[in-house]
C-alpha atoms as a PDB file:
ATOM      1  CA  UNK A   1       9.851 -21.730   5.754  1.00  0.00           C
ATOM      2  CA  UNK A   2      11.622 -25.100   6.040  1.00  0.00           C
ATOM      3  CA  UNK A   3      12.570 -24.615   9.683  1.00  0.00           C
ATOM      4  CA  UNK A   4       8.905 -24.631  10.671  1.00  0.00           C
ATOM      5  CA  UNK A   5       7.984 -27.906   8.972  1.00  0.00           C
ATOM      6  CA  UNK A   6       6.901 -30.706  11.268  1.00  0.00           C
ATOM      7  CA  UNK A   7       8.529 -34.006  10.345  1.00  0.00           C
ATOM      8  CA  UNK A   8       6.538 -37.125  11.292  1.00  0.00           C
ATOM      9  CA  UNK A   9       8.595 -39.922   9.751  1.00  0.00           C
ATOM     10  CA  UNK A  10      12.172 -40.801   8.938  1.00  0.00           C
ATOM     11  CA  UNK A  11      11.409 -40.700   5.207  1.00  0.00           C
ATOM     12  CA  UNK A  12      10.054 -37.154   5.426  1.00  0.00           C
ATOM     13  CA  UNK A  13      12.970 -36.217   7.663  1.00  0.00           C
ATOM     14  CA  UNK A  14      15.450 -37.180   4.965  1.00  0.00           C
ATOM     15  CA  UNK A  15      13.516 -35.254   2.330  1.00  0.00           C
ATOM     16  CA  UNK A  16      13.477 -32.234   4.662  1.00  0.00           C
ATOM     17  CA  UNK A  17      17.245 -32.334   5.134  1.00  0.00           C
ATOM     18  CA  UNK A  18      17.866 -32.715   1.412  1.00  0.00           C
ATOM     19  CA  UNK A  19      15.666 -29.713   0.589  1.00  0.00           C
ATOM     20  CA  UNK A  20      17.377 -27.576   3.212  1.00  0.00           C
ATOM     21  CA  UNK A  21      20.815 -28.753   2.099  1.00  0.00           C
ATOM     22  CA  UNK A  22      20.013 -27.788  -1.465  1.00  0.00           C
ATOM     23  CA  UNK A  23      18.877 -24.340  -0.386  1.00  0.00           C
ATOM     24  CA  UNK A  24      22.000 -23.812   1.751  1.00  0.00           C
ATOM     25  CA  UNK A  25      24.305 -24.840  -1.098  1.00  0.00           C
ATOM     26  CA  UNK A  26      22.437 -22.542  -3.490  1.00  0.00           C
ATOM     27  CA  UNK A  27      22.691 -19.666  -1.003  1.00  0.00           C
ATOM     28  CA  UNK A  28      26.422 -20.337  -0.655  1.00  0.00           C
ATOM     29  CA  UNK A  29      26.800 -20.141  -4.437  1.00  0.00           C
ATOM     30  CA  UNK A  30      24.810 -16.887  -4.465  1.00  0.00           C
ATOM     31  CA  UNK A  31      27.109 -15.466  -1.764  1.00  0.00           C
ATOM     32  CA  UNK A  32      30.190 -16.426  -3.787  1.00  0.00           C
ATOM     33  CA  UNK A  33      28.789 -14.745  -6.901  1.00  0.00           C
ATOM     34  CA  UNK A  34      27.587 -11.588  -5.117  1.00  0.00           C
ATOM     35  CA  UNK A  35      30.934 -11.146  -3.368  1.00  0.00           C
ATOM     36  CA  UNK A  36      32.681 -11.642  -6.710  1.00  0.00           C
ATOM     37  CA  UNK A  37      30.566  -8.845  -8.184  1.00  0.00           C
ATOM     38  CA  UNK A  38      31.271  -6.607  -5.176  1.00  0.00           C
ATOM     39  CA  UNK A  39      35.009  -7.264  -5.509  1.00  0.00           C
ATOM     40  CA  UNK A  40      34.873  -6.332  -9.194  1.00  0.00           C
ATOM     41  CA  UNK A  41      32.925  -3.151  -8.508  1.00  0.00           C
ATOM     42  CA  UNK A  42      34.896  -2.046  -5.440  1.00  0.00           C
ATOM     43  CA  UNK A  43      38.607  -2.930  -5.758  1.00  0.00           C
ATOM     44  CA  UNK A  44      39.360  -2.253  -2.052  1.00  0.00           C
ATOM     45  CA  UNK A  45      37.095  -5.145  -1.103  1.00  0.00           C
ATOM     46  CA  UNK A  46      39.207  -7.577  -3.132  1.00  0.00           C
ATOM     47  CA  UNK A  47      41.999  -7.908  -0.586  1.00  0.00           C
ATOM     48  CA  UNK A  48      41.234  -6.704   2.887  1.00  0.00           C
ATOM     49  CA  UNK A  49      37.450  -6.877   3.169  1.00  0.00           C
ATOM     50  CA  UNK A  50      36.582  -9.898   1.039  1.00  0.00           C
ATOM     51  CA  UNK A  51      35.793 -12.216   3.972  1.00  0.00           C
ATOM     52  CA  UNK A  52      33.801  -9.495   5.734  1.00  0.00           C
ATOM     53  CA  UNK A  53      31.730  -8.884   2.595  1.00  0.00           C
ATOM     54  CA  UNK A  54      30.992 -12.624   2.343  1.00  0.00           C
ATOM     55  CA  UNK A  55      29.924 -12.760   6.001  1.00  0.00           C
ATOM     56  CA  UNK A  56      27.610  -9.761   5.664  1.00  0.00           C
ATOM     57  CA  UNK A  57      26.024 -11.087   2.461  1.00  0.00           C
ATOM     58  CA  UNK A  58      25.678 -14.591   3.959  1.00  0.00           C
ATOM     59  CA  UNK A  59      23.972 -13.407   7.139  1.00  0.00           C
ATOM     60  CA  UNK A  60      21.719 -11.036   5.182  1.00  0.00           C
ATOM     61  CA  UNK A  61      20.634 -13.846   2.847  1.00  0.00           C
ATOM     62  CA  UNK A  62      19.915 -16.286   5.671  1.00  0.00           C
ATOM     63  CA  UNK A  63      17.973 -13.702   7.667  1.00  0.00           C
ATOM     64  CA  UNK A  64      15.947 -12.495   4.684  1.00  0.00           C
ATOM     65  CA  UNK A  65      15.113 -16.027   3.498  1.00  0.00           C
ATOM     66  CA  UNK A  66      14.668 -17.396   7.042  1.00  0.00           C
ATOM     67  CA  UNK A  67      16.921 -20.352   6.283  1.00  0.00           C
ATOM     68  CA  UNK A  68      18.813 -21.739   9.264  1.00  0.00           C
ATOM     69  CA  UNK A  69      21.009 -24.803   9.342  1.00  0.00           C
ATOM     70  CA  UNK A  70      20.439 -25.493  13.062  1.00  0.00           C
ATOM     71  CA  UNK A  71      16.648 -25.509  12.778  1.00  0.00           C
ATOM     72  CA  UNK A  72      16.935 -27.638   9.638  1.00  0.00           C
ATOM     73  CA  UNK A  73      18.883 -30.212  11.621  1.00  0.00           C
ATOM     74  CA  UNK A  74      16.229 -30.145  14.378  1.00  0.00           C
ATOM     75  CA  UNK A  75      18.535 -28.422  16.849  1.00  0.00           C
ATOM     76  CA  UNK A  76      16.360 -26.405  19.240  1.00  0.00           C
ATOM     77  CA  UNK A  77      17.000 -22.706  18.692  1.00  0.00           C
ATOM     78  CA  UNK A  78      15.483 -20.154  21.068  1.00  0.00           C
ATOM     79  CA  UNK A  79      16.485 -17.109  19.015  1.00  0.00           C
ATOM     80  CA  UNK A  80      16.189 -17.593  15.233  1.00  0.00           C
ATOM     81  CA  UNK A  81      18.578 -14.676  14.675  1.00  0.00           C
ATOM     82  CA  UNK A  82      21.392 -16.782  16.158  1.00  0.00           C
ATOM     83  CA  UNK A  83      20.585 -19.561  13.690  1.00  0.00           C
ATOM     84  CA  UNK A  84      20.668 -17.077  10.793  1.00  0.00           C
ATOM     85  CA  UNK A  85      24.019 -15.689  11.955  1.00  0.00           C
ATOM     86  CA  UNK A  86      25.567 -19.155  12.298  1.00  0.00           C
ATOM     87  CA  UNK A  87      24.134 -20.188   8.926  1.00  0.00           C
ATOM     88  CA  UNK A  88      25.328 -16.964   7.305  1.00  0.00           C
ATOM     89  CA  UNK A  89      28.823 -17.551   8.639  1.00  0.00           C
ATOM     90  CA  UNK A  90      28.804 -21.094   7.272  1.00  0.00           C
ATOM     91  CA  UNK A  91      27.552 -20.176   3.803  1.00  0.00           C
ATOM     92  CA  UNK A  92      30.024 -17.310   3.646  1.00  0.00           C
ATOM     93  CA  UNK A  93      32.761 -19.939   3.550  1.00  0.00           C
ATOM     94  CA  UNK A  94      31.407 -21.381   0.309  1.00  0.00           C
ATOM     95  CA  UNK A  95      29.330 -24.135  -1.228  1.00  0.00           C
ATOM     96  CA  UNK A  96      31.956 -26.855  -0.739  1.00  0.00           C
ATOM     97  CA  UNK A  97      32.040 -26.324   3.031  1.00  0.00           C
ATOM     98  CA  UNK A  98      28.227 -26.486   3.243  1.00  0.00           C
ATOM     99  CA  UNK A  99      28.088 -29.653   1.148  1.00  0.00           C
ATOM    100  CA  UNK A 100      30.759 -31.399   3.256  1.00  0.00           C
ATOM    101  CA  UNK A 101      29.191 -30.261   6.520  1.00  0.00           C
ATOM    102  CA  UNK A 102      25.703 -31.465   5.608  1.00  0.00           C
ATOM    103  CA  UNK A 103      27.068 -34.746   4.272  1.00  0.00           C
ATOM    104  CA  UNK A 104      28.835 -35.359   7.590  1.00  0.00           C
ATOM    105  CA  UNK A 105      25.672 -34.525   9.569  1.00  0.00           C
ATOM    106  CA  UNK A 106      23.623 -36.836   7.362  1.00  0.00           C
ATOM    107  CA  UNK A 107      26.101 -39.679   7.817  1.00  0.00           C
ATOM    108  CA  UNK A 108      26.099 -39.120  11.582  1.00  0.00           C
ATOM    109  CA  UNK A 109      22.284 -39.108  11.714  1.00  0.00           C
ATOM    110  CA  UNK A 110      22.071 -42.365   9.725  1.00  0.00           C
ATOM    111  CA  UNK A 111      24.658 -43.963  12.022  1.00  0.00           C
ATOM    112  CA  UNK A 112      22.702 -42.878  15.100  1.00  0.00           C
ATOM    113  CA  UNK A 113      19.484 -44.290  13.651  1.00  0.00           C
ATOM    114  CA  UNK A 114      21.180 -47.613  12.860  1.00  0.00           C
ATOM    115  CA  UNK A 115      22.651 -47.875  16.370  1.00  0.00           C
ATOM    116  CA  UNK A 116      19.232 -47.203  17.981  1.00  0.00           C
ATOM    117  CA  UNK A 117      17.535 -50.084  16.115  1.00  0.00           C
END
């Protein structure tokens, strides 16, 4: 849904990024919780397959919700599935990684805008 929004101004662009960032952080938290439940229910997942479970859940959530970090950052994506896979991999690493990553992108975008003026 958010990937398809047309942004016409810098103010709306910042709102768009904040909304997408919030969704990505929430999805990362959901992944952490779901994987925790899976690890409790299936003890074999706890050690050897924990990262794989997080990746699968992350990609599934991004694909089913159509949330992609590349499209949200206005990076042209020919195949949305690639965006969902990349986003799923990122959110599988956790909410802190997503927050830091989006903060760095936001800082970079503001710096680029300031330099252009």
